[in-house]
Amino acid sequence: MTDYDAYLRSEQWRTKADAVIEREHGGCQRCGDSAWEMHHRDYERIFRERLEDLEAVCADCHKLEHGLSSAADADRQTRKQQAHRERLIRELYAPNRGKTWTAF
């Protein structure tokens, strides 16, 4: 077992992973499905990551990120991610529909 494998089994890692999943309310940051995995945005601070270095992802999005998806699965997951981004944008701007903006 490598140091990295041991780290991923440690209480320190589990605490970070749980905090990221809680931050994202259990959802994959890419498609909105349930997230059970963590993706390192980079490995610059490996073993001493900040929570913002980690992304909560579902297994399908994690496979896609690492190029482990078949072409058909990659296409399906990419479309799912796009739909999720569009949904988030609609939710962000929906409360402002119909409101008049005033200058200060």
N, C-alpha and C. Protein backbone atom coordinates (compact mmCIF):
# COMPACT_ATOMS: atom_id res chain seq x y z
N MET A 1 0.84 -1.17 0.00
CA MET A 1 0.00 0.00 0.00
C MET A 1 0.89 1.25 0.00
N THR A 2 0.54 2.19 -0.83
CA THR A 2 1.32 3.43 -0.91
C THR A 2 0.90 4.39 0.21
N ASP A 3 1.70 5.41 0.41
CA ASP A 3 1.34 6.45 1.39
C ASP A 3 0.01 7.08 1.02
N TYR A 4 -0.23 7.29 -0.28
CA TYR A 4 -1.47 7.90 -0.75
C TYR A 4 -2.66 7.00 -0.42
N ASP A 5 -2.53 5.69 -0.69
CA ASP A 5 -3.61 4.76 -0.36
C ASP A 5 -3.91 4.77 1.13
N ALA A 6 -2.86 4.78 1.94
CA ALA A 6 -3.05 4.82 3.40
C ALA A 6 -3.73 6.13 3.80
N TYR A 7 -3.35 7.21 3.17
CA TYR A 7 -3.95 8.52 3.46
C TYR A 7 -5.45 8.51 3.16
N LEU A 8 -5.82 7.90 2.02
CA LEU A 8 -7.24 7.86 1.63
C LEU A 8 -8.07 7.00 2.59
N ARG A 9 -7.42 6.19 3.39
CA ARG A 9 -8.11 5.37 4.39
C ARG A 9 -8.05 6.00 5.80
N SER A 10 -7.42 7.15 5.90
CA SER A 10 -7.20 7.77 7.21
C SER A 10 -8.41 8.57 7.68
N GLU A 11 -8.43 8.79 8.98
CA GLU A 11 -9.46 9.63 9.60
C GLU A 11 -9.33 11.07 9.10
N GLN A 12 -8.11 11.53 8.90
CA GLN A 12 -7.87 12.89 8.40
C GLN A 12 -8.56 13.08 7.04
N TRP A 13 -8.40 12.11 6.14
CA TRP A 13 -9.02 12.20 4.82
C TRP A 13 -10.54 12.11 4.94
N ARG A 14 -11.04 11.18 5.75
CA ARG A 14 -12.48 11.00 5.89
C ARG A 14 -13.13 12.28 6.41
N THR A 15 -12.48 12.96 7.33
CA THR A 15 -13.01 14.22 7.86
C THR A 15 -13.12 15.27 6.76
N LYS A 16 -12.09 15.37 5.94
CA LYS A 16 -12.13 16.33 4.82
C LYS A 16 -13.22 15.96 3.82
N ALA A 17 -13.26 14.69 3.45
CA ALA A 17 -14.25 14.24 2.46
C ALA A 17 -15.67 14.48 2.98
N ASP A 18 -15.92 14.15 4.23
CA ASP A 18 -17.25 14.38 4.81
C ASP A 18 -17.61 15.86 4.80
N ALA A 19 -16.65 16.71 5.09
CA ALA A 19 -16.91 18.16 5.09
C ALA A 19 -17.26 18.67 3.69
N VAL A 20 -16.60 18.15 2.68
CA VAL A 20 -16.89 18.57 1.31
C VAL A 20 -18.27 18.07 0.88
N ILE A 21 -18.59 16.83 1.21
CA ILE A 21 -19.91 16.31 0.87
C ILE A 21 -21.00 17.10 1.59
N GLU A 22 -20.76 17.44 2.83
CA GLU A 22 -21.72 18.26 3.57
C GLU A 22 -21.85 19.64 2.94
N ARG A 23 -20.73 20.23 2.56
CA ARG A 23 -20.74 21.56 1.91
C ARG A 23 -21.63 21.54 0.67
N GLU A 24 -21.59 20.43 -0.06
CA GLU A 24 -22.35 20.32 -1.31
C GLU A 24 -23.71 19.65 -1.11
N HIS A 25 -24.12 19.51 0.14
CA HIS A 25 -25.41 18.90 0.48
C HIS A 25 -25.57 17.51 -0.15
N GLY A 26 -24.46 16.78 -0.25
CA GLY A 26 -24.50 15.41 -0.76
C GLY A 26 -24.55 15.27 -2.26
N GLY A 27 -24.49 16.39 -2.98
CA GLY A 27 -24.64 16.34 -4.42
C GLY A 27 -23.33 16.47 -5.18
N CYS A 28 -23.28 15.82 -6.32
CA CYS A 28 -22.13 15.94 -7.22
C CYS A 28 -22.08 17.37 -7.75
N GLN A 29 -20.92 17.98 -7.68
CA GLN A 29 -20.78 19.36 -8.13
C GLN A 29 -20.87 19.48 -9.64
N ARG A 30 -20.80 18.37 -10.34
CA ARG A 30 -20.81 18.43 -11.80
C ARG A 30 -22.16 18.08 -12.41
N CYS A 31 -22.88 17.10 -11.82
CA CYS A 31 -24.14 16.69 -12.44
C CYS A 31 -25.33 16.72 -11.49
N GLY A 32 -25.08 16.86 -10.19
CA GLY A 32 -26.17 16.94 -9.23
C GLY A 32 -26.59 15.62 -8.61
N ASP A 33 -26.11 14.49 -9.13
CA ASP A 33 -26.42 13.19 -8.52
C ASP A 33 -25.77 13.09 -7.15
N SER A 34 -26.05 12.02 -6.44
CA SER A 34 -25.42 11.81 -5.13
C SER A 34 -23.91 11.66 -5.29
N ALA A 35 -23.17 12.35 -4.46
CA ALA A 35 -21.70 12.31 -4.53
C ALA A 35 -21.17 11.43 -3.41
N TRP A 36 -20.31 10.50 -3.78
CA TRP A 36 -19.67 9.61 -2.81
C TRP A 36 -18.16 9.62 -2.95
N GLU A 37 -17.65 10.37 -3.91
CA GLU A 37 -16.22 10.39 -4.17
C GLU A 37 -15.70 11.81 -4.14
N MET A 38 -14.38 11.94 -3.97
CA MET A 38 -13.72 13.23 -3.97
C MET A 38 -12.77 13.29 -5.16
N HIS A 39 -12.73 14.45 -5.78
CA HIS A 39 -11.77 14.68 -6.86
C HIS A 39 -10.86 15.82 -6.42
N HIS A 40 -9.56 15.60 -6.54
CA HIS A 40 -8.59 16.67 -6.27
C HIS A 40 -8.57 17.60 -7.48
N ARG A 41 -8.82 18.86 -7.28
CA ARG A 41 -8.74 19.81 -8.39
C ARG A 41 -7.29 19.92 -8.87
N ASP A 42 -6.36 19.77 -7.96
CA ASP A 42 -4.94 19.63 -8.30
C ASP A 42 -4.27 18.92 -7.12
N TYR A 43 -3.05 18.56 -7.31
CA TYR A 43 -2.33 17.82 -6.26
C TYR A 43 -1.23 18.67 -5.62
N GLU A 44 -1.39 19.97 -5.72
CA GLU A 44 -0.39 20.89 -5.20
C GLU A 44 -0.20 20.75 -3.69
N ARG A 45 -1.30 20.52 -2.97
CA ARG A 45 -1.22 20.41 -1.51
C ARG A 45 -1.62 19.00 -1.04
N ILE A 46 -1.19 17.99 -1.78
CA ILE A 46 -1.56 16.62 -1.44
C ILE A 46 -1.15 16.32 0.00
N PHE A 47 -2.00 15.63 0.72
CA PHE A 47 -1.87 15.29 2.14
C PHE A 47 -2.16 16.48 3.07
N ARG A 48 -2.29 17.66 2.53
CA ARG A 48 -2.63 18.84 3.35
C ARG A 48 -3.60 19.74 2.57
N GLU A 49 -4.53 19.09 1.88
CA GLU A 49 -5.49 19.82 1.04
C GLU A 49 -6.35 20.76 1.87
N ARG A 50 -6.74 21.82 1.22
CA ARG A 50 -7.78 22.68 1.75
C ARG A 50 -9.10 22.14 1.19
N LEU A 51 -10.19 22.45 1.84
CA LEU A 51 -11.47 21.94 1.36
C LEU A 51 -11.79 22.43 -0.06
N GLU A 52 -11.34 23.64 -0.38
CA GLU A 52 -11.60 24.15 -1.74
C GLU A 52 -10.77 23.44 -2.80
N ASP A 53 -9.80 22.64 -2.39
CA ASP A 53 -9.01 21.84 -3.33
C ASP A 53 -9.76 20.58 -3.76
N LEU A 54 -10.86 20.28 -3.07
CA LEU A 54 -11.58 19.03 -3.29
C LEU A 54 -12.96 19.29 -3.86
N GLU A 55 -13.39 18.38 -4.70
CA GLU A 55 -14.69 18.49 -5.35
C GLU A 55 -15.47 17.21 -5.10
N ALA A 56 -16.69 17.34 -4.62
CA ALA A 56 -17.57 16.19 -4.42
C ALA A 56 -18.11 15.76 -5.78
N VAL A 57 -17.90 14.50 -6.12
CA VAL A 57 -18.35 14.00 -7.42
C VAL A 57 -18.98 12.61 -7.29
N CYS A 58 -19.85 12.29 -8.24
CA CYS A 58 -20.38 10.94 -8.33
C CYS A 58 -19.35 10.08 -9.07
N ALA A 59 -19.53 8.78 -9.03
CA ALA A 59 -18.58 7.86 -9.67
C ALA A 59 -18.49 8.12 -11.17
N ASP A 60 -19.62 8.39 -11.82
CA ASP A 60 -19.61 8.60 -13.28
C ASP A 60 -18.83 9.85 -13.66
N CYS A 61 -19.01 10.94 -12.93
CA CYS A 61 -18.27 12.16 -13.23
C CYS A 61 -16.79 12.00 -12.93
N HIS A 62 -16.47 11.23 -11.88
CA HIS A 62 -15.07 11.01 -11.54
C HIS A 62 -14.39 10.19 -12.64
N LYS A 63 -15.08 9.16 -13.14
CA LYS A 63 -14.53 8.37 -14.25
C LYS A 63 -14.31 9.25 -15.48
N LEU A 64 -15.29 10.09 -15.77
CA LEU A 64 -15.18 10.99 -16.93
C LEU A 64 -13.97 11.90 -16.78
N GLU A 65 -13.78 12.46 -15.60
CA GLU A 65 -12.66 13.37 -15.35
C GLU A 65 -11.31 12.70 -15.60
N HIS A 66 -11.22 11.42 -15.26
CA HIS A 66 -9.95 10.71 -15.39
C HIS A 66 -9.86 9.89 -16.69
N GLY A 67 -10.80 10.13 -17.61
CA GLY A 67 -10.75 9.46 -18.91
C GLY A 67 -11.02 7.97 -18.85
N LEU A 68 -11.81 7.53 -17.89
CA LEU A 68 -12.08 6.10 -17.72
C LEU A 68 -13.47 5.69 -18.21
N SER A 69 -14.17 6.60 -18.87
CA SER A 69 -15.52 6.32 -19.37
C SER A 69 -15.45 5.87 -20.83
N SER A 70 -16.39 5.02 -21.21
CA SER A 70 -16.52 4.67 -22.63
C SER A 70 -17.00 5.92 -23.36
N ALA A 71 -16.90 5.92 -24.67
CA ALA A 71 -17.32 7.09 -25.45
C ALA A 71 -18.80 7.39 -25.22
N ALA A 72 -19.63 6.36 -25.20
CA ALA A 72 -21.07 6.55 -25.00
C ALA A 72 -21.35 7.09 -23.60
N ASP A 73 -20.69 6.52 -22.59
CA ASP A 73 -20.89 7.00 -21.22
C ASP A 73 -20.38 8.43 -21.06
N ALA A 74 -19.27 8.74 -21.69
CA ALA A 74 -18.71 10.09 -21.61
C ALA A 74 -19.67 11.09 -22.23
N ASP A 75 -20.26 10.75 -23.37
CA ASP A 75 -21.21 11.64 -24.03
C ASP A 75 -22.44 11.86 -23.16
N ARG A 76 -22.97 10.78 -22.60
CA ARG A 76 -24.14 10.87 -21.73
C ARG A 76 -23.84 11.72 -20.49
N GLN A 77 -22.69 11.49 -19.86
CA GLN A 77 -22.35 12.22 -18.64
C GLN A 77 -22.08 13.69 -18.93
N THR A 78 -21.46 13.98 -20.07
CA THR A 78 -21.21 15.36 -20.46
C THR A 78 -22.53 16.11 -20.66
N ARG A 79 -23.50 15.46 -21.30
CA ARG A 79 -24.82 16.09 -21.48
C ARG A 79 -25.51 16.30 -20.13
N LYS A 80 -25.36 15.34 -19.23
CA LYS A 80 -25.94 15.46 -17.90
C LYS A 80 -25.32 16.63 -17.13
N GLN A 81 -24.01 16.78 -17.24
CA GLN A 81 -23.33 17.90 -16.58
C GLN A 81 -23.81 19.24 -17.14
N GLN A 82 -23.96 19.31 -18.46
CA GLN A 82 -24.42 20.55 -19.09
C GLN A 82 -25.83 20.90 -18.61
N ALA A 83 -26.70 19.93 -18.53
CA ALA A 83 -28.07 20.16 -18.05
C ALA A 83 -28.05 20.66 -16.60
N HIS A 84 -27.17 20.10 -15.80
CA HIS A 84 -27.05 20.54 -14.40
C HIS A 84 -26.58 21.99 -14.31
N ARG A 85 -25.58 22.35 -15.13
CA ARG A 85 -25.11 23.75 -15.13
C ARG A 85 -26.23 24.70 -15.56
N GLU A 86 -26.99 24.32 -16.57
CA GLU A 86 -28.09 25.16 -17.04
C GLU A 86 -29.16 25.31 -15.96
N ARG A 87 -29.44 24.22 -15.25
CA ARG A 87 -30.42 24.26 -14.15
C ARG A 87 -29.94 25.20 -13.04
N LEU A 88 -28.66 25.13 -12.70
CA LEU A 88 -28.12 26.02 -11.66
C LEU A 88 -28.22 27.49 -12.08
N ILE A 89 -27.95 27.76 -13.33
CA ILE A 89 -28.04 29.13 -13.83
C ILE A 89 -29.49 29.61 -13.77
N ARG A 90 -30.43 28.77 -14.19
CA ARG A 90 -31.84 29.17 -14.11
C ARG A 90 -32.25 29.45 -12.68
N GLU A 91 -31.81 28.60 -11.74
CA GLU A 91 -32.15 28.81 -10.33
C GLU A 91 -31.53 30.10 -9.79
N LEU A 92 -30.34 30.41 -10.25
CA LEU A 92 -29.66 31.62 -9.80
C LEU A 92 -30.40 32.87 -10.27
N TYR A 93 -30.85 32.86 -11.51
CA TYR A 93 -31.46 34.06 -12.08
C TYR A 93 -32.98 34.09 -11.98
N ALA A 94 -33.61 32.97 -11.68
CA ALA A 94 -35.08 32.92 -11.62
C ALA A 94 -35.67 33.91 -10.61
N PRO A 95 -35.08 34.07 -9.43
CA PRO A 95 -35.69 35.02 -8.47
C PRO A 95 -35.73 36.46 -8.98
N ASN A 96 -34.91 36.78 -9.97
CA ASN A 96 -34.83 38.16 -10.46
C ASN A 96 -35.70 38.41 -11.70
N ARG A 97 -36.34 37.38 -12.20
CA ARG A 97 -37.19 37.56 -13.39
C ARG A 97 -38.32 38.52 -13.08
N GLY A 98 -38.55 39.44 -13.98
CA GLY A 98 -39.64 40.36 -13.84
C GLY A 98 -39.39 41.55 -12.94
N LYS A 99 -38.24 41.56 -12.29
CA LYS A 99 -37.92 42.69 -11.43
C LYS A 99 -37.29 43.80 -12.25
N THR A 100 -37.52 44.99 -11.85
CA THR A 100 -36.94 46.14 -12.51
C THR A 100 -35.68 46.54 -11.75
N TRP A 101 -34.61 46.72 -12.47
CA TRP A 101 -33.36 47.13 -11.83
C TRP A 101 -33.32 48.65 -11.79
N THR A 102 -32.91 49.18 -10.69
CA THR A 102 -32.80 50.63 -10.56
C THR A 102 -31.35 51.01 -10.36
N ALA A 103 -31.00 52.14 -10.90
CA ALA A 103 -29.63 52.64 -10.73
C ALA A 103 -29.52 53.35 -9.38
N PHE A 104 -28.37 53.32 -8.82
CA PHE A 104 -28.13 54.00 -7.54
C PHE A 104 -27.63 55.40 -7.77
